Amino acid sequence: MSDGKRAASAGRLCLGIAEAQVTEDLLVEGDLFNALLSDPQGRAAMAQFLTSGGQTPEGERRLGELAGKLAGELAESG
């Protein structure tokens, strides 16, 4: 097998492994998200995040700041 074919084969193998891990990770993320939605505090936190503009371009640019602010507010209320 030539070096080019060996490299292409190795690349395809790596992509397959990466895709398998991505699928598993997305399933775990989905499970965690669903668990969050079933929790009243989780739903309240998500509503507060959305109300604060967390899913807007501006909110995404200041995501760290927004998350810190919301975490502080949730700690004070809970």
N, C-alpha and C. Protein backbone atom coordinates (compact mmCIF):
# COMPACT_ATOMS: atom_id res chain seq x y z
N MET A 1 0.87 -1.18 0.00
CA MET A 1 0.00 0.00 0.00
C MET A 1 0.90 1.23 0.00
N SER A 2 0.58 2.19 -0.85
CA SER A 2 1.38 3.41 -0.94
C SER A 2 1.14 4.28 0.29
N ASP A 3 2.07 5.20 0.50
CA ASP A 3 1.94 6.13 1.63
C ASP A 3 0.66 6.96 1.53
N GLY A 4 0.29 7.38 0.32
CA GLY A 4 -0.93 8.17 0.13
C GLY A 4 -2.17 7.38 0.48
N LYS A 5 -2.21 6.11 0.04
CA LYS A 5 -3.37 5.27 0.36
C LYS A 5 -3.42 4.97 1.85
N ARG A 6 -2.26 4.76 2.44
CA ARG A 6 -2.21 4.49 3.88
C ARG A 6 -2.68 5.72 4.66
N ALA A 7 -2.28 6.89 4.23
CA ALA A 7 -2.71 8.13 4.90
C ALA A 7 -4.21 8.33 4.74
N ALA A 8 -4.73 8.08 3.54
CA ALA A 8 -6.17 8.24 3.31
C ALA A 8 -6.96 7.24 4.15
N SER A 9 -6.47 6.02 4.24
CA SER A 9 -7.14 5.00 5.05
C SER A 9 -7.13 5.38 6.53
N ALA A 10 -6.00 5.87 7.00
CA ALA A 10 -5.89 6.30 8.40
C ALA A 10 -6.82 7.48 8.65
N GLY A 11 -6.90 8.39 7.69
CA GLY A 11 -7.79 9.55 7.84
C GLY A 11 -9.25 9.13 7.93
N ARG A 12 -9.67 8.19 7.08
CA ARG A 12 -11.05 7.70 7.14
C ARG A 12 -11.33 7.01 8.47
N LEU A 13 -10.37 6.25 8.97
CA LEU A 13 -10.53 5.57 10.26
C LEU A 13 -10.69 6.60 11.38
N CYS A 14 -9.86 7.64 11.35
CA CYS A 14 -9.94 8.68 12.39
C CYS A 14 -11.28 9.41 12.34
N LEU A 15 -11.76 9.69 11.13
CA LEU A 15 -13.06 10.36 11.00
C LEU A 15 -14.18 9.48 11.54
N GLY A 16 -14.12 8.19 11.28
CA GLY A 16 -15.13 7.27 11.80
C GLY A 16 -15.14 7.24 13.30
N ILE A 17 -13.95 7.22 13.89
CA ILE A 17 -13.85 7.22 15.36
C ILE A 17 -14.39 8.54 15.92
N ALA A 18 -14.02 9.65 15.30
CA ALA A 18 -14.49 10.96 15.77
C ALA A 18 -16.00 11.07 15.66
N GLU A 19 -16.57 10.60 14.55
CA GLU A 19 -18.02 10.67 14.38
C GLU A 19 -18.74 9.82 15.41
N ALA A 20 -18.20 8.65 15.72
CA ALA A 20 -18.82 7.79 16.73
C ALA A 20 -18.83 8.48 18.08
N GLN A 21 -17.74 9.15 18.43
CA GLN A 21 -17.66 9.85 19.71
C GLN A 21 -18.61 11.04 19.74
N VAL A 22 -18.73 11.75 18.63
CA VAL A 22 -19.63 12.89 18.57
C VAL A 22 -21.07 12.43 18.81
N THR A 23 -21.44 11.34 18.18
CA THR A 23 -22.80 10.82 18.35
C THR A 23 -23.06 10.48 19.81
N GLU A 24 -22.12 9.78 20.44
CA GLU A 24 -22.28 9.43 21.86
C GLU A 24 -22.36 10.68 22.73
N ASP A 25 -21.50 11.65 22.46
CA ASP A 25 -21.50 12.89 23.25
C ASP A 25 -22.81 13.66 23.08
N LEU A 26 -23.35 13.69 21.86
CA LEU A 26 -24.62 14.38 21.63
C LEU A 26 -25.77 13.68 22.35
N LEU A 27 -25.74 12.37 22.41
CA LEU A 27 -26.78 11.65 23.15
C LEU A 27 -26.72 11.97 24.64
N VAL A 28 -25.51 12.03 25.19
CA VAL A 28 -25.35 12.39 26.60
C VAL A 28 -25.83 13.82 26.83
N GLU A 29 -25.46 14.73 25.94
CA GLU A 29 -25.90 16.12 26.06
C GLU A 29 -27.43 16.20 26.02
N GLY A 30 -28.05 15.45 25.14
CA GLY A 30 -29.51 15.43 25.06
C GLY A 30 -30.15 14.92 26.33
N ASP A 31 -29.57 13.87 26.91
CA ASP A 31 -30.10 13.35 28.17
C ASP A 31 -30.00 14.39 29.28
N LEU A 32 -28.87 15.07 29.37
CA LEU A 32 -28.69 16.09 30.40
C LEU A 32 -29.65 17.26 30.20
N PHE A 33 -29.85 17.66 28.95
CA PHE A 33 -30.76 18.75 28.64
C PHE A 33 -32.19 18.37 29.02
N ASN A 34 -32.59 17.14 28.69
CA ASN A 34 -33.94 16.69 29.06
C ASN A 34 -34.12 16.64 30.57
N ALA A 35 -33.08 16.23 31.29
CA ALA A 35 -33.15 16.22 32.75
C ALA A 35 -33.31 17.64 33.28
N LEU A 36 -32.62 18.59 32.67
CA LEU A 36 -32.74 19.99 33.07
C LEU A 36 -34.16 20.49 32.88
N LEU A 37 -34.77 20.12 31.76
CA LEU A 37 -36.13 20.58 31.47
C LEU A 37 -37.17 19.97 32.41
N SER A 38 -36.86 18.82 32.98
CA SER A 38 -37.82 18.20 33.87
C SER A 38 -37.73 18.74 35.30
N ASP A 39 -36.71 19.57 35.56
CA ASP A 39 -36.50 20.14 36.89
C ASP A 39 -37.05 21.57 36.92
N PRO A 40 -37.93 21.90 37.87
CA PRO A 40 -38.49 23.26 37.93
C PRO A 40 -37.41 24.35 38.02
N GLN A 41 -36.38 24.12 38.81
CA GLN A 41 -35.30 25.12 38.91
C GLN A 41 -34.56 25.25 37.59
N GLY A 42 -34.38 24.14 36.90
CA GLY A 42 -33.73 24.18 35.60
C GLY A 42 -34.54 24.97 34.58
N ARG A 43 -35.84 24.74 34.57
CA ARG A 43 -36.70 25.49 33.66
C ARG A 43 -36.69 26.98 33.99
N ALA A 44 -36.68 27.31 35.29
CA ALA A 44 -36.64 28.72 35.70
C ALA A 44 -35.32 29.36 35.27
N ALA A 45 -34.23 28.63 35.43
CA ALA A 45 -32.93 29.16 35.03
C ALA A 45 -32.88 29.38 33.52
N MET A 46 -33.43 28.44 32.76
CA MET A 46 -33.44 28.58 31.32
C MET A 46 -34.31 29.76 30.89
N ALA A 47 -35.45 29.92 31.52
CA ALA A 47 -36.33 31.05 31.20
C ALA A 47 -35.63 32.37 31.50
N GLN A 48 -34.94 32.42 32.62
CA GLN A 48 -34.21 33.63 33.00
C GLN A 48 -33.09 33.92 31.99
N PHE A 49 -32.41 32.87 31.54
CA PHE A 49 -31.35 33.02 30.54
C PHE A 49 -31.92 33.60 29.25
N LEU A 50 -33.03 33.06 28.79
CA LEU A 50 -33.65 33.54 27.56
C LEU A 50 -34.17 34.96 27.71
N THR A 51 -34.79 35.27 28.84
CA THR A 51 -35.29 36.61 29.11
C THR A 51 -34.16 37.63 29.14
N SER A 52 -33.00 37.19 29.60
CA SER A 52 -31.84 38.08 29.68
C SER A 52 -31.13 38.23 28.34
N GLY A 53 -31.67 37.62 27.30
CA GLY A 53 -31.08 37.75 25.97
C GLY A 53 -29.96 36.78 25.69
N GLY A 54 -29.91 35.68 26.42
CA GLY A 54 -28.82 34.72 26.27
C GLY A 54 -28.74 34.07 24.91
N GLN A 55 -29.81 34.02 24.18
CA GLN A 55 -29.80 33.36 22.88
C GLN A 55 -29.87 34.38 21.73
N THR A 56 -29.32 35.55 21.97
CA THR A 56 -29.22 36.58 20.94
C THR A 56 -27.74 36.75 20.59
N PRO A 57 -27.44 37.34 19.47
CA PRO A 57 -26.02 37.57 19.14
C PRO A 57 -25.28 38.34 20.24
N GLU A 58 -25.91 39.37 20.78
CA GLU A 58 -25.28 40.14 21.86
C GLU A 58 -25.08 39.28 23.11
N GLY A 59 -26.10 38.50 23.46
CA GLY A 59 -25.99 37.62 24.63
C GLY A 59 -24.91 36.58 24.47
N GLU A 60 -24.77 36.05 23.26
CA GLU A 60 -23.73 35.05 23.00
C GLU A 60 -22.34 35.66 23.06
N ARG A 61 -22.22 36.92 22.71
CA ARG A 61 -20.91 37.59 22.79
C ARG A 61 -20.48 37.80 24.24
N ARG A 62 -21.45 37.89 25.14
CA ARG A 62 -21.10 38.10 26.55
C ARG A 62 -21.60 36.93 27.40
N LEU A 63 -21.48 35.72 26.85
CA LEU A 63 -22.02 34.53 27.49
C LEU A 63 -21.42 34.28 28.88
N GLY A 64 -20.12 34.43 29.02
CA GLY A 64 -19.48 34.22 30.32
C GLY A 64 -20.01 35.18 31.37
N GLU A 65 -20.10 36.44 31.00
CA GLU A 65 -20.62 37.46 31.92
C GLU A 65 -22.07 37.15 32.29
N LEU A 66 -22.88 36.81 31.31
CA LEU A 66 -24.29 36.51 31.54
C LEU A 66 -24.46 35.28 32.42
N ALA A 67 -23.68 34.25 32.17
CA ALA A 67 -23.77 33.03 32.97
C ALA A 67 -23.40 33.32 34.43
N GLY A 68 -22.37 34.12 34.64
CA GLY A 68 -21.97 34.48 35.99
C GLY A 68 -23.05 35.28 36.71
N LYS A 69 -23.65 36.20 35.99
CA LYS A 69 -24.72 37.03 36.57
C LYS A 69 -25.91 36.15 36.96
N LEU A 70 -26.32 35.28 36.06
CA LEU A 70 -27.47 34.41 36.34
C LEU A 70 -27.18 33.42 37.47
N ALA A 71 -25.95 32.91 37.50
CA ALA A 71 -25.58 31.99 38.59
C ALA A 71 -25.66 32.70 39.94
N GLY A 72 -25.21 33.95 39.99
CA GLY A 72 -25.30 34.73 41.22
C GLY A 72 -26.73 34.98 41.63
N GLU A 73 -27.56 35.33 40.66
CA GLU A 73 -28.97 35.57 40.95
C GLU A 73 -29.68 34.30 41.44
N LEU A 74 -29.35 33.17 40.81
CA LEU A 74 -29.96 31.90 41.23
C LEU A 74 -29.51 31.51 42.63
N ALA A 75 -28.23 31.76 42.95
CA ALA A 75 -27.72 31.44 44.27
C ALA A 75 -28.41 32.28 45.34
N GLU A 76 -28.65 33.54 45.04
CA GLU A 76 -29.30 34.44 45.99
C GLU A 76 -30.76 34.03 46.22
N SER A 77 -31.41 33.56 45.16
CA SER A 77 -32.84 33.22 45.28
C SER A 77 -33.07 31.81 45.82
N GLY A 78 -32.06 30.96 45.75
CA GLY A 78 -32.27 29.57 46.13
C GLY A 78 -31.60 29.23 47.39
